Amino acid sequence: MLSDNNIGMDKVLAKALTVLLGGNSIEDLSLSWNRLRSEDLIPMLQVGCKSLKVLDIKFNRLDDQLARSVAKLLNESKTMLQLDLSYNYFGYETYESVGRALVECKQLNLFRIKGNSLKEEEIQQFESLLPR
């Protein structure tokens, strides 16, 4: 758990975390409350988070720039069970690309995206894509 460490404010720390993630089989990664921006997290998601089961990136400064990387992670992952994108700056592009990926991500059982720049009907649409 790496929550509440201001990782996004320290470029060296963000790069070190990317290197760490690339060489390890991490299953549960909580990066909430870190002031991460999309450009900080994109490299982290590209280094091989294939073993992730839980990714918690709520309460950061993430936006639609990250949408394609999250969608790609969902498309490639066979292990992702929980994803929390709450309280960032995600908007319509995230709704479009992540929504398409959710349709194919059958193993995901928890997805949160409240507190973003999405309309209530878009949030409800996300929720309807998850298995009951």
Protein backbone atom coordinates (compact mmCIF):
# COMPACT_ATOMS: atom_id res chain seq x y z
CA MET A 1 0.00 0.00 0.00
CA LEU A 2 1.49 3.29 -1.12
CA SER A 3 -1.41 5.57 -0.30
CA ASP A 4 -1.02 9.14 0.93
CA ASN A 5 2.66 9.63 0.02
CA ASN A 6 2.54 12.54 -2.46
CA ILE A 7 4.13 10.32 -5.11
CA GLY A 8 2.87 12.57 -7.91
CA MET A 9 4.70 15.55 -6.48
CA ASP A 10 8.07 13.79 -6.68
CA LYS A 11 9.09 12.75 -10.22
CA VAL A 12 12.01 10.64 -8.97
CA LEU A 13 9.72 8.67 -6.67
CA ALA A 14 7.18 8.14 -9.48
CA LYS A 15 9.92 6.84 -11.80
CA ALA A 16 11.31 4.56 -9.08
CA LEU A 17 7.85 3.12 -8.55
CA THR A 18 7.57 2.42 -12.29
CA VAL A 19 10.84 0.46 -12.18
CA LEU A 20 9.66 -1.45 -9.10
CA LEU A 21 6.39 -2.41 -10.76
CA GLY A 22 8.14 -3.61 -13.90
CA GLY A 23 10.17 -6.22 -12.10
CA ASN A 24 7.61 -7.65 -9.72
CA SER A 25 4.38 -9.56 -9.68
CA ILE A 26 2.28 -7.15 -7.67
CA GLU A 27 -1.32 -8.22 -7.07
CA ASP A 28 -2.72 -5.41 -4.92
CA LEU A 29 -1.67 -1.81 -5.58
CA SER A 30 -3.15 1.12 -3.71
CA LEU A 31 -1.94 4.50 -4.92
CA SER A 32 -4.83 6.57 -3.58
CA TRP A 33 -4.30 10.06 -2.14
CA ASN A 34 -0.99 10.64 -3.95
CA ARG A 35 -1.52 13.62 -6.28
CA LEU A 36 -0.62 11.40 -9.23
CA ARG A 37 -1.32 12.82 -12.65
CA SER A 38 -2.10 10.75 -15.71
CA GLU A 39 1.39 11.26 -17.12
CA ASP A 40 2.82 9.81 -13.88
CA LEU A 41 0.66 6.70 -13.96
CA ILE A 42 0.73 5.84 -17.69
CA PRO A 43 4.30 4.46 -17.54
CA MET A 44 3.43 2.49 -14.40
CA LEU A 45 0.54 0.76 -16.15
CA GLN A 46 2.65 0.00 -19.22
CA VAL A 47 5.43 -1.87 -17.42
CA GLY A 48 3.60 -5.10 -16.92
CA CYS A 49 0.87 -4.96 -14.32
CA LYS A 50 -0.46 -8.21 -15.70
CA SER A 51 -0.71 -9.86 -12.28
CA LEU A 52 -2.74 -7.06 -10.68
CA LYS A 53 -5.92 -8.12 -8.97
CA VAL A 54 -6.69 -4.83 -7.20
CA LEU A 55 -5.84 -1.32 -8.40
CA ASP A 56 -6.93 1.59 -6.22
CA ILE A 57 -6.08 5.00 -7.71
CA LYS A 58 -8.83 7.11 -6.15
CA PHE A 59 -8.25 10.69 -4.96
CA ASN A 60 -5.48 11.65 -7.37
CA ARG A 61 -5.28 14.10 -10.27
CA LEU A 62 -5.97 11.61 -13.04
CA ASP A 63 -7.90 12.54 -16.18
CA ASP A 64 -8.95 11.26 -19.59
CA GLN A 65 -5.29 11.04 -20.68
CA LEU A 66 -5.17 7.81 -18.68
CA ALA A 67 -8.32 6.32 -20.22
CA ARG A 68 -6.64 4.32 -22.97
CA SER A 69 -4.04 2.88 -20.59
CA VAL A 70 -6.75 1.77 -18.15
CA ALA A 71 -8.75 0.25 -21.01
CA LYS A 72 -5.67 -1.58 -22.27
CA LEU A 73 -4.96 -2.88 -18.77
CA LEU A 74 -8.52 -4.20 -18.50
CA ASN A 75 -8.33 -5.76 -21.98
CA GLU A 76 -5.03 -7.53 -21.29
CA SER A 77 -5.57 -8.51 -17.68
CA LYS A 78 -7.01 -11.88 -16.83
CA THR A 79 -6.60 -11.29 -13.09
CA MET A 80 -8.06 -7.81 -12.39
CA LEU A 81 -10.87 -8.13 -9.85
CA GLN A 82 -11.22 -4.60 -8.44
CA LEU A 83 -10.60 -1.16 -9.92
CA ASP A 84 -11.28 2.14 -8.15
CA LEU A 85 -11.00 5.32 -10.25
CA SER A 86 -13.10 7.48 -7.90
CA TYR A 87 -12.54 11.17 -7.20
CA ASN A 88 -10.27 12.14 -10.06
CA TYR A 89 -10.98 14.16 -13.21
CA PHE A 90 -12.21 11.42 -15.55
CA GLY A 91 -14.76 12.43 -18.15
CA TYR A 92 -16.37 11.31 -21.38
CA GLU A 93 -13.28 9.75 -23.01
CA THR A 94 -12.91 7.49 -20.00
CA TYR A 95 -16.59 6.63 -20.24
CA GLU A 96 -16.11 5.61 -23.88
CA SER A 97 -12.85 3.63 -23.78
CA VAL A 98 -13.05 2.09 -20.30
CA GLY A 99 -16.73 1.29 -20.85
CA ARG A 100 -15.87 -0.79 -23.92
CA ALA A 101 -13.14 -2.60 -21.99
CA LEU A 102 -15.50 -3.37 -19.09
CA VAL A 103 -17.78 -5.29 -21.43
CA GLU A 104 -14.96 -7.75 -22.11
CA CYS A 105 -13.47 -7.86 -18.58
CA LYS A 106 -15.64 -10.65 -17.19
CA GLN A 107 -13.64 -11.31 -14.02
CA LEU A 108 -13.92 -7.74 -12.65
CA ASN A 109 -16.34 -7.74 -9.73
CA LEU A 110 -15.83 -4.23 -8.31
CA PHE A 111 -15.54 -1.01 -10.29
CA ARG A 112 -15.87 2.46 -8.77
CA ILE A 113 -15.81 5.76 -10.63
CA LYS A 114 -17.92 8.17 -8.56
CA GLY A 115 -16.76 11.71 -7.92
CA ASN A 116 -15.50 12.39 -11.45
CA SER A 117 -16.68 14.62 -14.31
CA LEU A 118 -19.27 12.09 -15.45
CA LYS A 119 -23.02 12.38 -15.69
CA GLU A 120 -25.11 10.23 -13.39
CA GLU A 121 -26.42 8.19 -16.33
CA GLU A 122 -22.84 7.45 -17.44
CA ILE A 123 -21.98 6.18 -13.97
CA GLN A 124 -25.12 4.00 -13.98
CA GLN A 125 -24.13 2.66 -17.41
CA PHE A 126 -20.73 1.63 -16.00
CA GLU A 127 -22.42 -0.14 -13.11
CA SER A 128 -24.72 -2.03 -15.48
CA LEU A 129 -21.71 -3.52 -17.27
CA LEU A 130 -20.46 -5.40 -14.22
CA PRO A 131 -21.61 -8.95 -13.56
CA ARG A 132 -24.19 -9.30 -10.81
